[in-house]
Amino acid sequence: MSIVIETTVGDVTVDLFLKERPLTCQNFMKLCKMKYYNGCTFHFIQKDFIAQTGDPTNSGKGGCSVFGLIENRQKSSQSEMIEIERKPKLKHNKFGLISMVNNGENQCGSQFFFTLANSLEYLDDFHSVFGIVVEGFEFLIKLNETICDDLHKPYQDIMITHTVILVDPLPDIPGLIIPVESPKINFNDLIKSDRIGIGEELIEQDKNLEEIDEELKDKEAKQRALVLEMIGDIPDAEIKPPENVLFVCKLNPVTQEEDLEIIFSRFGKILSCEIIKDQKSGESLQYGFIEFDKKEDCEKAYFKMDNVLIDDRRIHVDFSSAKDAE
């Protein structure tokens, strides 16, 4: 049972210990399916210790289990949390383990952390290991090198953008309504935040006003692109997407439509290729759509082009939803 967690600084794949932690894994898996973690930041990172996330309020004080999201549930604090599973005992003894956070009452909701050191066994009697990283260790290294303030909150937000379920052997929980798109992200909050913008570099002090204004515009464009990427989730399997249109994101701002069309045309005839631009500035929002003449050619491009380097950026491709194409 595997899940890919996509973030603003890289992706990581985790395998879950379903046999040893059945309830915890069910809770985590279904929260991922609910897109509950999309938009959560890593609100606590301490070098050579842990990196914690999973709170939709991004305060470290919020979150609930998947059972707290069930329609028409009994309103009680017990139904919002699950009991911490600690038998059989799984040790916090490796770099790259994933563990559920104890809320102080031997219960857990949605918050979890990655271990950033090998010997953290003193956490065993409090928190609950339920999986291990199998791919994306460079992401963990980035977390461990993140610069934080005195409260161990990163100066630059690191945000979960998507969670992708690779294998889900568990049936859906009755009463759980799966959303078709991510939670809405408040763009203005991203722009006004006192943290360093996602993907933003520090503005050097010796730059003139024109250069600073250009960098601020770039920050705004990047934040807009992030929001559009996150709300552009592909619908669940029940909703049939167009079979001949690809959604392409994480493009380099310098990439042109003509270049993109030439690169993708090796898979077949292209009917249209459009990079979406900001209406005011005309600058690329770093995502677009490619329409193929045949669905077979579209499928070939999908399987071959995801995570490929174009203009020094690793792009992401997926099938477009009807909503995206509007």
C-alpha atoms as a PDB file:
ATOM      1  CA  MET A   1       0.000   0.000   0.000  1.00  0.00           C
ATOM      2  CA  SER A   2       1.831   3.072  -1.305  1.00  0.00           C
ATOM      3  CA  ILE A   3       1.230   6.820  -1.490  1.00  0.00           C
ATOM      4  CA  VAL A   4       3.113   9.619  -3.267  1.00  0.00           C
ATOM      5  CA  ILE A   5       3.142  12.921  -1.376  1.00  0.00           C
ATOM      6  CA  GLU A   6       3.826  15.853  -3.727  1.00  0.00           C
ATOM      7  CA  THR A   7       5.151  19.080  -2.199  1.00  0.00           C
ATOM      8  CA  THR A   8       6.508  22.422  -3.325  1.00  0.00           C
ATOM      9  CA  VAL A   9      10.110  21.223  -2.833  1.00  0.00           C
ATOM     10  CA  GLY A  10       9.868  17.641  -4.092  1.00  0.00           C
ATOM     11  CA  ASP A  11       7.971  14.372  -3.955  1.00  0.00           C
ATOM     12  CA  VAL A  12       8.237  11.375  -1.642  1.00  0.00           C
ATOM     13  CA  THR A  13       6.795   7.860  -1.849  1.00  0.00           C
ATOM     14  CA  VAL A  14       5.856   5.980   1.323  1.00  0.00           C
ATOM     15  CA  ASP A  15       4.881   2.357   1.923  1.00  0.00           C
ATOM     16  CA  LEU A  16       2.400   1.849   4.758  1.00  0.00           C
ATOM     17  CA  PHE A  17       2.510  -0.915   7.388  1.00  0.00           C
ATOM     18  CA  LEU A  18      -1.071  -2.074   6.913  1.00  0.00           C
ATOM     19  CA  LYS A  19      -0.639  -5.370   8.773  1.00  0.00           C
ATOM     20  CA  GLU A  20       0.882  -3.780  11.887  1.00  0.00           C
ATOM     21  CA  ARG A  21      -1.145  -0.519  11.867  1.00  0.00           C
ATOM     22  CA  PRO A  22      -4.521  -1.279  10.191  1.00  0.00           C
ATOM     23  CA  LEU A  23      -6.538   1.567  11.729  1.00  0.00           C
ATOM     24  CA  THR A  24      -3.804   4.187  11.347  1.00  0.00           C
ATOM     25  CA  CYS A  25      -3.197   3.221   7.718  1.00  0.00           C
ATOM     26  CA  GLN A  26      -6.908   3.296   6.948  1.00  0.00           C
ATOM     27  CA  ASN A  27      -7.159   6.758   8.506  1.00  0.00           C
ATOM     28  CA  PHE A  28      -4.140   8.116   6.595  1.00  0.00           C
ATOM     29  CA  MET A  29      -5.114   6.529   3.286  1.00  0.00           C
ATOM     30  CA  LYS A  30      -8.680   7.855   3.355  1.00  0.00           C
ATOM     31  CA  LEU A  31      -7.535  11.341   4.443  1.00  0.00           C
ATOM     32  CA  CYS A  32      -5.301  11.337   1.367  1.00  0.00           C
ATOM     33  CA  LYS A  33      -8.244  10.258  -0.774  1.00  0.00           C
ATOM     34  CA  MET A  34     -10.287  13.124   0.719  1.00  0.00           C
ATOM     35  CA  LYS A  35      -7.512  15.530  -0.435  1.00  0.00           C
ATOM     36  CA  TYR A  36      -7.394  16.573   3.216  1.00  0.00           C
ATOM     37  CA  TYR A  37      -3.645  17.166   3.184  1.00  0.00           C
ATOM     38  CA  ASN A  38      -3.582  19.374   0.078  1.00  0.00           C
ATOM     39  CA  GLY A  39      -2.492  22.829   1.236  1.00  0.00           C
ATOM     40  CA  CYS A  40      -0.998  21.661   4.542  1.00  0.00           C
ATOM     41  CA  THR A  41       2.439  23.109   5.294  1.00  0.00           C
ATOM     42  CA  PHE A  42       5.263  21.640   7.347  1.00  0.00           C
ATOM     43  CA  HIS A  43       4.666  23.763  10.441  1.00  0.00           C
ATOM     44  CA  PHE A  44       7.488  22.220  12.528  1.00  0.00           C
ATOM     45  CA  ILE A  45      10.914  21.112  11.310  1.00  0.00           C
ATOM     46  CA  GLN A  46      13.845  20.469  13.626  1.00  0.00           C
ATOM     47  CA  LYS A  47      17.140  19.395  12.119  1.00  0.00           C
ATOM     48  CA  ASP A  48      18.126  15.778  12.806  1.00  0.00           C
ATOM     49  CA  PHE A  49      14.798  15.240  14.571  1.00  0.00           C
ATOM     50  CA  ILE A  50      11.418  15.413  12.773  1.00  0.00           C
ATOM     51  CA  ALA A  51       9.429  17.314  10.110  1.00  0.00           C
ATOM     52  CA  GLN A  52       5.744  17.584  11.068  1.00  0.00           C
ATOM     53  CA  THR A  53       2.689  18.398   8.925  1.00  0.00           C
ATOM     54  CA  GLY A  54      -0.909  17.275   8.358  1.00  0.00           C
ATOM     55  CA  ASP A  55      -2.760  20.163  10.048  1.00  0.00           C
ATOM     56  CA  PRO A  56      -5.102  22.013   7.628  1.00  0.00           C
ATOM     57  CA  THR A  57      -4.999  25.081   9.915  1.00  0.00           C
ATOM     58  CA  ASN A  58      -1.173  25.060   9.631  1.00  0.00           C
ATOM     59  CA  SER A  59      -0.956  26.009  13.297  1.00  0.00           C
ATOM     60  CA  GLY A  60       0.035  22.650  14.766  1.00  0.00           C
ATOM     61  CA  LYS A  61      -3.173  22.588  16.816  1.00  0.00           C
ATOM     62  CA  GLY A  62      -5.749  21.380  14.267  1.00  0.00           C
ATOM     63  CA  GLY A  63      -6.792  18.351  12.276  1.00  0.00           C
ATOM     64  CA  CYS A  64      -9.031  15.354  12.842  1.00  0.00           C
ATOM     65  CA  SER A  65      -9.212  11.725  11.778  1.00  0.00           C
ATOM     66  CA  VAL A  66     -11.138  10.650   8.705  1.00  0.00           C
ATOM     67  CA  PHE A  67     -13.990   9.580  10.974  1.00  0.00           C
ATOM     68  CA  GLY A  68     -14.528  13.224  11.909  1.00  0.00           C
ATOM     69  CA  LEU A  69     -15.355  13.913   8.249  1.00  0.00           C
ATOM     70  CA  ILE A  70     -18.140  11.352   7.909  1.00  0.00           C
ATOM     71  CA  GLU A  71     -21.549  12.770   7.052  1.00  0.00           C
ATOM     72  CA  ASN A  72     -24.216  12.451   9.784  1.00  0.00           C
ATOM     73  CA  ARG A  73     -21.728  11.104  12.328  1.00  0.00           C
ATOM     74  CA  GLN A  74     -22.409  11.361  16.042  1.00  0.00           C
ATOM     75  CA  LYS A  75     -21.020  14.678  17.228  1.00  0.00           C
ATOM     76  CA  SER A  76     -18.459  13.787  19.883  1.00  0.00           C
ATOM     77  CA  SER A  77     -14.767  14.398  20.390  1.00  0.00           C
ATOM     78  CA  GLN A  78     -14.152  10.660  20.383  1.00  0.00           C
ATOM     79  CA  SER A  79     -15.411  10.338  16.814  1.00  0.00           C
ATOM     80  CA  GLU A  80     -12.912  12.936  15.579  1.00  0.00           C
ATOM     81  CA  MET A  81      -9.852  11.009  16.730  1.00  0.00           C
ATOM     82  CA  ILE A  82      -8.619   7.422  16.677  1.00  0.00           C
ATOM     83  CA  GLU A  83      -6.676   5.511  19.289  1.00  0.00           C
ATOM     84  CA  ILE A  84      -2.894   5.431  18.904  1.00  0.00           C
ATOM     85  CA  GLU A  85      -1.735   1.973  17.743  1.00  0.00           C
ATOM     86  CA  ARG A  86       1.508   0.859  19.381  1.00  0.00           C
ATOM     87  CA  LYS A  87       1.290  -2.934  19.218  1.00  0.00           C
ATOM     88  CA  PRO A  88       3.249  -4.585  17.777  1.00  0.00           C
ATOM     89  CA  LYS A  89       5.983  -2.131  18.703  1.00  0.00           C
ATOM     90  CA  LEU A  90       7.608  -0.389  15.746  1.00  0.00           C
ATOM     91  CA  LYS A  91      10.659   1.674  16.605  1.00  0.00           C
ATOM     92  CA  HIS A  92      11.591   5.190  15.512  1.00  0.00           C
ATOM     93  CA  ASN A  93      15.058   3.930  14.669  1.00  0.00           C
ATOM     94  CA  LYS A  94      15.534   4.951  11.027  1.00  0.00           C
ATOM     95  CA  PHE A  95      15.816   8.080   8.921  1.00  0.00           C
ATOM     96  CA  GLY A  96      12.711   8.315   6.726  1.00  0.00           C
ATOM     97  CA  LEU A  97       9.989   6.723   8.844  1.00  0.00           C
ATOM     98  CA  ILE A  98       6.475   8.228   8.895  1.00  0.00           C
ATOM     99  CA  SER A  99       4.701   8.407  12.248  1.00  0.00           C
ATOM    100  CA  MET A 100       1.310   9.588  13.533  1.00  0.00           C
ATOM    101  CA  VAL A 101       1.345  12.366  16.136  1.00  0.00           C
ATOM    102  CA  ASN A 102      -0.096  11.642  19.591  1.00  0.00           C
ATOM    103  CA  ASN A 103      -2.429  14.489  20.638  1.00  0.00           C
ATOM    104  CA  GLY A 104      -1.491  14.002  24.312  1.00  0.00           C
ATOM    105  CA  GLU A 105      -4.444  11.733  25.105  1.00  0.00           C
ATOM    106  CA  ASN A 106      -3.153   8.622  23.319  1.00  0.00           C
ATOM    107  CA  GLN A 107      -5.204   9.579  20.296  1.00  0.00           C
ATOM    108  CA  CYS A 108      -4.334  10.880  16.847  1.00  0.00           C
ATOM    109  CA  GLY A 109      -6.101  12.772  14.087  1.00  0.00           C
ATOM    110  CA  SER A 110      -4.402  13.825  10.879  1.00  0.00           C
ATOM    111  CA  GLN A 111      -0.978  15.169  11.889  1.00  0.00           C
ATOM    112  CA  PHE A 112       2.100  13.096  11.077  1.00  0.00           C
ATOM    113  CA  PHE A 113       5.863  13.514  10.850  1.00  0.00           C
ATOM    114  CA  PHE A 114       8.916  12.155   9.052  1.00  0.00           C
ATOM    115  CA  THR A 115      11.936  11.126  11.103  1.00  0.00           C
ATOM    116  CA  LEU A 116      15.123  12.992  10.159  1.00  0.00           C
ATOM    117  CA  ALA A 117      17.534  10.871  12.214  1.00  0.00           C
ATOM    118  CA  ASN A 118      18.278   7.204  12.883  1.00  0.00           C
ATOM    119  CA  SER A 119      17.946   6.897  16.654  1.00  0.00           C
ATOM    120  CA  LEU A 120      14.720   8.399  17.993  1.00  0.00           C
ATOM    121  CA  GLU A 121      13.509   5.410  20.010  1.00  0.00           C
ATOM    122  CA  TYR A 122      12.464   7.647  22.898  1.00  0.00           C
ATOM    123  CA  LEU A 123       9.421   8.531  20.735  1.00  0.00           C
ATOM    124  CA  ASP A 124       8.236   4.896  20.656  1.00  0.00           C
ATOM    125  CA  ASP A 125       6.034   5.075  23.746  1.00  0.00           C
ATOM    126  CA  PHE A 126       4.231   8.177  22.582  1.00  0.00           C
ATOM    127  CA  HIS A 127       3.854   8.304  18.790  1.00  0.00           C
ATOM    128  CA  SER A 128       3.087   5.549  16.254  1.00  0.00           C
ATOM    129  CA  VAL A 129       5.238   4.549  13.275  1.00  0.00           C
ATOM    130  CA  PHE A 130       3.008   3.423  10.396  1.00  0.00           C
ATOM    131  CA  GLY A 131       5.158   3.550   7.266  1.00  0.00           C
ATOM    132  CA  ILE A 132       8.522   4.158   5.639  1.00  0.00           C
ATOM    133  CA  VAL A 133       9.889   6.274   2.798  1.00  0.00           C
ATOM    134  CA  VAL A 134      10.911   4.129  -0.183  1.00  0.00           C
ATOM    135  CA  GLU A 135      11.616   6.877  -2.724  1.00  0.00           C
ATOM    136  CA  GLY A 136      12.425  10.580  -2.487  1.00  0.00           C
ATOM    137  CA  PHE A 137      15.139  10.692   0.164  1.00  0.00           C
ATOM    138  CA  GLU A 138      16.474  13.893  -1.419  1.00  0.00           C
ATOM    139  CA  PHE A 139      13.202  15.504  -0.314  1.00  0.00           C
ATOM    140  CA  LEU A 140      13.894  14.495   3.297  1.00  0.00           C
ATOM    141  CA  ILE A 141      17.391  15.932   3.023  1.00  0.00           C
ATOM    142  CA  LYS A 142      15.871  19.252   1.875  1.00  0.00           C
ATOM    143  CA  LEU A 143      13.543  19.191   4.876  1.00  0.00           C
ATOM    144  CA  ASN A 144      16.461  18.559   7.203  1.00  0.00           C
ATOM    145  CA  GLU A 145      18.390  21.509   5.730  1.00  0.00           C
ATOM    146  CA  THR A 146      15.433  23.922   5.911  1.00  0.00           C
ATOM    147  CA  ILE A 147      16.124  27.199   7.738  1.00  0.00           C
ATOM    148  CA  CYS A 148      13.567  27.791  10.510  1.00  0.00           C
ATOM    149  CA  ASP A 149      12.758  30.388  13.134  1.00  0.00           C
ATOM    150  CA  ASP A 150      13.093  29.913  16.915  1.00  0.00           C
ATOM    151  CA  LEU A 151       9.789  27.965  16.963  1.00  0.00           C
ATOM    152  CA  HIS A 152      11.094  25.607  14.262  1.00  0.00           C
ATOM    153  CA  LYS A 153       8.687  26.963  11.651  1.00  0.00           C
ATOM    154  CA  PRO A 154      10.317  27.252   8.195  1.00  0.00           C
ATOM    155  CA  TYR A 155      10.928  30.804   6.968  1.00  0.00           C
ATOM    156  CA  GLN A 156       9.768  29.586   3.564  1.00  0.00           C
ATOM    157  CA  ASP A 157       6.566  27.530   3.551  1.00  0.00           C
ATOM    158  CA  ILE A 158       6.849  23.953   2.333  1.00  0.00           C
ATOM    159  CA  MET A 159       3.385  22.851   1.234  1.00  0.00           C
ATOM    160  CA  ILE A 160       1.758  19.547   0.301  1.00  0.00           C
ATOM    161  CA  THR A 161       0.136  20.076  -3.101  1.00  0.00           C
ATOM    162  CA  HIS A 162      -1.239  16.591  -3.826  1.00  0.00           C
ATOM    163  CA  THR A 163      -1.333  13.062  -2.464  1.00  0.00           C
ATOM    164  CA  VAL A 164      -1.494  10.244  -5.017  1.00  0.00           C
ATOM    165  CA  ILE A 165      -2.694   6.804  -3.926  1.00  0.00           C
ATOM    166  CA  LEU A 166      -0.793   4.118  -5.833  1.00  0.00           C
ATOM    167  CA  VAL A 167      -2.446   1.098  -4.213  1.00  0.00           C
ATOM    168  CA  ASP A 168      -5.601   1.158  -2.045  1.00  0.00           C
ATOM    169  CA  PRO A 169      -6.853  -2.299  -1.005  1.00  0.00           C
ATOM    170  CA  LEU A 170      -9.295  -0.865   1.552  1.00  0.00           C
ATOM    171  CA  PRO A 171     -13.002  -0.279   0.855  1.00  0.00           C
ATOM    172  CA  ASP A 172     -14.345   3.258   1.256  1.00  0.00           C
ATOM    173  CA  ILE A 173     -15.836   4.156   4.642  1.00  0.00           C
ATOM    174  CA  PRO A 174     -19.668   4.443   4.583  1.00  0.00           C
ATOM    175  CA  GLY A 175     -20.796   8.065   4.795  1.00  0.00           C
ATOM    176  CA  LEU A 176     -17.470   9.437   3.542  1.00  0.00           C
ATOM    177  CA  ILE A 177     -18.024  11.748   0.568  1.00  0.00           C
ATOM    178  CA  ILE A 178     -14.933  11.999  -1.626  1.00  0.00           C
ATOM    179  CA  PRO A 179     -14.442  15.529  -3.080  1.00  0.00           C
ATOM    180  CA  VAL A 180     -13.649  15.909  -6.776  1.00  0.00           C
ATOM    181  CA  GLU A 181     -11.159  18.763  -6.289  1.00  0.00           C
ATOM    182  CA  SER A 182      -8.728  20.156  -3.747  1.00  0.00           C
ATOM    183  CA  PRO A 183      -9.689  22.538  -0.927  1.00  0.00           C
ATOM    184  CA  LYS A 184      -9.668  26.160  -2.075  1.00  0.00           C
ATOM    185  CA  ILE A 185      -6.446  28.062  -1.443  1.00  0.00           C
ATOM    186  CA  ASN A 186      -6.692  31.746  -0.563  1.00  0.00           C
ATOM    187  CA  PHE A 187      -4.383  33.420  -3.076  1.00  0.00           C
ATOM    188  CA  ASN A 188      -4.342  36.742  -1.205  1.00  0.00           C
ATOM    189  CA  ASP A 189      -3.143  34.992   1.956  1.00  0.00           C
ATOM    190  CA  LEU A 190      -0.174  33.584   0.014  1.00  0.00           C
ATOM    191  CA  ILE A 191       0.753  37.009  -1.320  1.00  0.00           C
ATOM    192  CA  LYS A 192       0.345  38.815   2.025  1.00  0.00           C
ATOM    193  CA  SER A 193       2.123  36.134   4.083  1.00  0.00           C
ATOM    194  CA  ASP A 194       5.138  37.299   6.082  1.00  0.00           C
ATOM    195  CA  ARG A 195       6.952  34.075   5.095  1.00  0.00           C
ATOM    196  CA  ILE A 196       9.179  33.831   2.032  1.00  0.00           C
ATOM    197  CA  GLY A 197       6.939  32.976  -0.926  1.00  0.00           C
ATOM    198  CA  ILE A 198       6.866  29.418  -2.231  1.00  0.00           C
ATOM    199  CA  GLY A 199       9.486  29.164  -4.962  1.00  0.00           C
ATOM    200  CA  GLU A 200      10.659  32.709  -4.204  1.00  0.00           C
ATOM    201  CA  GLU A 201      14.277  33.758  -3.826  1.00  0.00           C
ATOM    202  CA  LEU A 202      15.342  36.504  -1.436  1.00  0.00           C
ATOM    203  CA  ILE A 203      15.459  39.978  -2.971  1.00  0.00           C
ATOM    204  CA  GLU A 204      18.987  41.365  -2.857  1.00  0.00           C
ATOM    205  CA  GLN A 205      19.362  44.730  -1.146  1.00  0.00           C
ATOM    206  CA  ASP A 206      21.336  46.401  -3.941  1.00  0.00           C
ATOM    207  CA  LYS A 207      18.651  45.976  -6.623  1.00  0.00           C
ATOM    208  CA  ASN A 208      16.898  49.006  -8.070  1.00  0.00           C
ATOM    209  CA  LEU A 209      13.138  49.655  -7.814  1.00  0.00           C
ATOM    210  CA  GLU A 210      12.437  48.296 -11.307  1.00  0.00           C
ATOM    211  CA  GLU A 211      14.208  45.007 -10.548  1.00  0.00           C
ATOM    212  CA  ILE A 212      12.444  44.662  -7.179  1.00  0.00           C
ATOM    213  CA  ASP A 213       9.070  45.327  -8.836  1.00  0.00           C
ATOM    214  CA  GLU A 214       9.871  42.645 -11.424  1.00  0.00           C
ATOM    215  CA  GLU A 215      10.685  40.125  -8.685  1.00  0.00           C
ATOM    216  CA  LEU A 216       7.487  40.928  -6.788  1.00  0.00           C
ATOM    217  CA  LYS A 217       5.488  40.329  -9.990  1.00  0.00           C
ATOM    218  CA  ASP A 218       7.305  37.027 -10.387  1.00  0.00           C
ATOM    219  CA  LYS A 219       6.378  36.075  -6.813  1.00  0.00           C
ATOM    220  CA  GLU A 220       2.711  36.820  -7.535  1.00  0.00           C
ATOM    221  CA  ALA A 221       2.798  34.763 -10.739  1.00  0.00           C
ATOM    222  CA  LYS A 222       4.356  31.810  -8.914  1.00  0.00           C
ATOM    223  CA  GLN A 223       1.730  31.913  -6.178  1.00  0.00           C
ATOM    224  CA  ARG A 224      -1.047  32.056  -8.781  1.00  0.00           C
ATOM    225  CA  ALA A 225       0.494  29.121 -10.616  1.00  0.00           C
ATOM    226  CA  LEU A 226       0.652  27.147  -7.361  1.00  0.00           C
ATOM    227  CA  VAL A 227      -3.027  27.765  -6.625  1.00  0.00           C
ATOM    228  CA  LEU A 228      -4.066  26.836 -10.157  1.00  0.00           C
ATOM    229  CA  GLU A 229      -2.000  23.664 -10.035  1.00  0.00           C
ATOM    230  CA  MET A 230      -3.553  22.610  -6.738  1.00  0.00           C
ATOM    231  CA  ILE A 231      -7.162  23.267  -7.732  1.00  0.00           C
ATOM    232  CA  GLY A 232      -6.575  21.564 -11.073  1.00  0.00           C
ATOM    233  CA  ASP A 233      -6.914  18.080  -9.572  1.00  0.00           C
ATOM    234  CA  ILE A 234      -7.854  15.317 -11.949  1.00  0.00           C
ATOM    235  CA  PRO A 235     -11.372  14.064 -11.042  1.00  0.00           C
ATOM    236  CA  ASP A 236     -11.898  10.634  -9.539  1.00  0.00           C
ATOM    237  CA  ALA A 237     -12.068   7.663 -11.885  1.00  0.00           C
ATOM    238  CA  GLU A 238     -15.873   7.806 -12.039  1.00  0.00           C
ATOM    239  CA  ILE A 239     -15.694  11.096 -13.954  1.00  0.00           C
ATOM    240  CA  LYS A 240     -14.418  10.415 -17.452  1.00  0.00           C
ATOM    241  CA  PRO A 241     -11.835  12.985 -18.633  1.00  0.00           C
ATOM    242  CA  PRO A 242     -11.238  13.931 -22.281  1.00  0.00           C
ATOM    243  CA  GLU A 243      -9.206  11.196 -23.871  1.00  0.00           C
ATOM    244  CA  ASN A 244      -7.069  13.356 -26.144  1.00  0.00           C
ATOM    245  CA  VAL A 245      -6.116  16.378 -23.972  1.00  0.00           C
ATOM    246  CA  LEU A 246      -3.076  16.587 -21.690  1.00  0.00           C
ATOM    247  CA  PHE A 247      -2.689  19.020 -18.797  1.00  0.00           C
ATOM    248  CA  VAL A 248       0.950  20.167 -18.492  1.00  0.00           C
ATOM    249  CA  CYS A 249       2.261  22.094 -15.474  1.00  0.00           C
ATOM    250  CA  LYS A 250       5.486  23.120 -13.699  1.00  0.00           C
ATOM    251  CA  LEU A 251       6.696  24.670 -16.962  1.00  0.00           C
ATOM    252  CA  ASN A 252       9.615  27.067 -17.128  1.00  0.00           C
ATOM    253  CA  PRO A 253       8.288  30.637 -17.701  1.00  0.00           C
ATOM    254  CA  VAL A 254      10.581  30.881 -20.749  1.00  0.00           C
ATOM    255  CA  THR A 255       9.032  27.843 -22.481  1.00  0.00           C
ATOM    256  CA  GLN A 256       7.027  28.874 -25.550  1.00  0.00           C
ATOM    257  CA  GLU A 257       3.971  27.202 -27.085  1.00  0.00           C
ATOM    258  CA  GLU A 258       5.912  26.519 -30.300  1.00  0.00           C
ATOM    259  CA  ASP A 259       8.639  24.701 -28.359  1.00  0.00           C
ATOM    260  CA  LEU A 260       6.109  22.633 -26.445  1.00  0.00           C
ATOM    261  CA  GLU A 261       4.279  21.678 -29.644  1.00  0.00           C
ATOM    262  CA  ILE A 262       7.503  20.549 -31.340  1.00  0.00           C
ATOM    263  CA  ILE A 263       8.499  18.422 -28.337  1.00  0.00           C
ATOM    264  CA  PHE A 264       5.111  16.693 -28.019  1.00  0.00           C
ATOM    265  CA  SER A 265       4.464  16.341 -31.765  1.00  0.00           C
ATOM    266  CA  ARG A 266       6.772  13.322 -31.914  1.00  0.00           C
ATOM    267  CA  PHE A 267       3.926  11.329 -30.367  1.00  0.00           C
ATOM    268  CA  GLY A 268       1.371  12.289 -33.050  1.00  0.00           C
ATOM    269  CA  LYS A 269      -0.579  15.095 -34.688  1.00  0.00           C
ATOM    270  CA  ILE A 270      -1.409  17.990 -32.332  1.00  0.00           C
ATOM    271  CA  LEU A 271      -4.613  19.968 -32.828  1.00  0.00           C
ATOM    272  CA  SER A 272      -3.798  22.739 -30.354  1.00  0.00           C
ATOM    273  CA  CYS A 273      -1.130  23.704 -27.834  1.00  0.00           C
ATOM    274  CA  GLU A 274      -1.786  26.529 -25.380  1.00  0.00           C
ATOM    275  CA  ILE A 275       0.223  27.883 -22.452  1.00  0.00           C
ATOM    276  CA  ILE A 276      -2.027  29.852 -20.102  1.00  0.00           C
ATOM    277  CA  LYS A 277      -0.881  33.434 -19.477  1.00  0.00           C
ATOM    278  CA  ASP A 278      -1.695  36.094 -16.913  1.00  0.00           C
ATOM    279  CA  GLN A 279      -4.359  38.410 -18.318  1.00  0.00           C
ATOM    280  CA  LYS A 280      -2.647  41.562 -17.041  1.00  0.00           C
ATOM    281  CA  SER A 281       1.059  40.926 -17.528  1.00  0.00           C
ATOM    282  CA  GLY A 282       0.896  38.388 -20.358  1.00  0.00           C
ATOM    283  CA  GLU A 283       3.438  36.255 -18.504  1.00  0.00           C
ATOM    284  CA  SER A 284       3.257  32.470 -18.466  1.00  0.00           C
ATOM    285  CA  LEU A 285       1.407  30.908 -15.524  1.00  0.00           C
ATOM    286  CA  GLN A 286       3.562  27.837 -16.115  1.00  0.00           C
ATOM    287  CA  TYR A 287       0.813  25.422 -17.146  1.00  0.00           C
ATOM    288  CA  GLY A 288      -1.076  24.620 -20.326  1.00  0.00           C
ATOM    289  CA  PHE A 289      -3.051  22.141 -22.443  1.00  0.00           C
ATOM    290  CA  ILE A 290      -2.118  19.999 -25.440  1.00  0.00           C
ATOM    291  CA  GLU A 291      -4.852  18.499 -27.604  1.00  0.00           C
ATOM    292  CA  PHE A 292      -3.937  15.488 -29.749  1.00  0.00           C
ATOM    293  CA  ASP A 293      -5.785  14.267 -32.826  1.00  0.00           C
ATOM    294  CA  LYS A 294      -5.841  10.703 -31.465  1.00  0.00           C
ATOM    295  CA  LYS A 295      -6.257   9.467 -27.903  1.00  0.00           C
ATOM    296  CA  GLU A 296      -3.595   6.786 -28.494  1.00  0.00           C
ATOM    297  CA  ASP A 297      -1.006   9.501 -29.171  1.00  0.00           C
ATOM    298  CA  CYS A 298      -2.136  11.366 -26.060  1.00  0.00           C
ATOM    299  CA  GLU A 299      -1.666   8.236 -23.955  1.00  0.00           C
ATOM    300  CA  LYS A 300       1.846   7.683 -25.342  1.00  0.00           C
ATOM    301  CA  ALA A 301       2.803  11.250 -24.456  1.00  0.00           C
ATOM    302  CA  TYR A 302       1.333  10.832 -20.957  1.00  0.00           C
ATOM    303  CA  PHE A 303       3.440   7.762 -20.206  1.00  0.00           C
ATOM    304  CA  LYS A 304       6.646   9.163 -21.734  1.00  0.00           C
ATOM    305  CA  MET A 305       6.685  12.850 -20.766  1.00  0.00           C
ATOM    306  CA  ASP A 306       5.841  13.012 -17.056  1.00  0.00           C
ATOM    307  CA  ASN A 307       8.810  14.326 -15.027  1.00  0.00           C
ATOM    308  CA  VAL A 308      10.829  15.065 -18.188  1.00  0.00           C
ATOM    309  CA  LEU A 309      13.198  18.059 -18.234  1.00  0.00           C
ATOM    310  CA  ILE A 310      12.131  20.930 -20.499  1.00  0.00           C
ATOM    311  CA  ASP A 311      14.141  24.153 -20.258  1.00  0.00           C
ATOM    312  CA  ASP A 312      15.706  22.926 -16.987  1.00  0.00           C
ATOM    313  CA  ARG A 313      12.309  22.247 -15.350  1.00  0.00           C
ATOM    314  CA  ARG A 314      10.812  18.815 -14.630  1.00  0.00           C
ATOM    315  CA  ILE A 315       7.299  19.062 -15.992  1.00  0.00           C
ATOM    316  CA  HIS A 316       4.213  17.171 -14.768  1.00  0.00           C
ATOM    317  CA  VAL A 317       1.601  15.855 -17.202  1.00  0.00           C
ATOM    318  CA  ASP A 318      -1.815  14.355 -16.603  1.00  0.00           C
ATOM    319  CA  PHE A 319      -5.092  13.936 -18.411  1.00  0.00           C
ATOM    320  CA  SER A 320      -7.130  17.128 -18.404  1.00  0.00           C
ATOM    321  CA  SER A 321     -10.536  17.328 -16.737  1.00  0.00           C
ATOM    322  CA  ALA A 322     -13.485  18.924 -18.461  1.00  0.00           C
ATOM    323  CA  LYS A 323     -13.318  21.758 -15.920  1.00  0.00           C
ATOM    324  CA  ASP A 324      -9.653  22.477 -16.757  1.00  0.00           C
ATOM    325  CA  ALA A 325     -10.407  22.702 -20.441  1.00  0.00           C
ATOM    326  CA  GLU A 326     -13.054  25.395 -20.028  1.00  0.00           C
END
